[in-house]
C-alpha atoms as a PDB file:
ATOM      1  CA  MET A   1       0.011  -0.089  -0.002  1.00  0.00           C
ATOM      2  CA  GLN A   2       2.720   2.194   1.046  1.00  0.00           C
ATOM      3  CA  PHE A   3       4.501   1.762  -2.147  1.00  0.00           C
ATOM      4  CA  HIS A   4       1.287   2.489  -4.242  1.00  0.00           C
ATOM      5  CA  ASP A   5       1.091   5.688  -2.484  1.00  0.00           C
ATOM      6  CA  ASN A   6       4.352   6.821  -3.501  1.00  0.00           C
ATOM      7  CA  HIS A   7       3.453   5.678  -7.063  1.00  0.00           C
ATOM      8  CA  LEU A   8       0.891   8.408  -7.138  1.00  0.00           C
ATOM      9  CA  LEU A   9       2.898  10.539  -5.265  1.00  0.00           C
ATOM     10  CA  PHE A  10       5.400  10.439  -7.996  1.00  0.00           C
ATOM     11  CA  ASP A  11       3.013  10.873 -10.745  1.00  0.00           C
ATOM     12  CA  TYR A  12       1.672  13.632  -9.363  1.00  0.00           C
ATOM     13  CA  ASN A  13       4.806  15.521  -9.057  1.00  0.00           C
ATOM     14  CA  HIS A  14       5.808  14.455 -12.425  1.00  0.00           C
ATOM     15  CA  LEU A  15       2.527  15.907 -13.645  1.00  0.00           C
ATOM     16  CA  CYS A  16       3.375  18.997 -11.854  1.00  0.00           C
ATOM     17  CA  LEU A  17       6.765  19.283 -13.765  1.00  0.00           C
ATOM     18  CA  LEU A  18       5.175  18.677 -17.377  1.00  0.00           C
ATOM     19  CA  THR A  19       2.612  21.186 -16.383  1.00  0.00           C
ATOM     20  CA  LYS A  20       5.528  23.824 -15.612  1.00  0.00           C
ATOM     21  CA  VAL A  21       7.157  22.775 -18.738  1.00  0.00           C
ATOM     22  CA  SER A  22       4.488  23.227 -20.899  1.00  0.00           C
ATOM     23  CA  ALA A  23       3.826  26.418 -19.107  1.00  0.00           C
ATOM     24  CA  ILE A  24       7.379  27.515 -20.279  1.00  0.00           C
ATOM     25  CA  ASN A  25       7.231  25.681 -23.867  1.00  0.00           C
ATOM     26  CA  PRO A  26       3.372  26.430 -25.083  1.00  0.00           C
ATOM     27  CA  ILE A  27       4.845  24.357 -28.492  1.00  0.00           C
ATOM     28  CA  LEU A  28       5.364  21.397 -26.608  1.00  0.00           C
END
């Protein structure tokens, strides 16, 4: 269960990173 929670947290952080990159480079 803990591993699953960590995986969700990783996905959330990765999504935030992609959102920031998209905000900087709308073309991507």
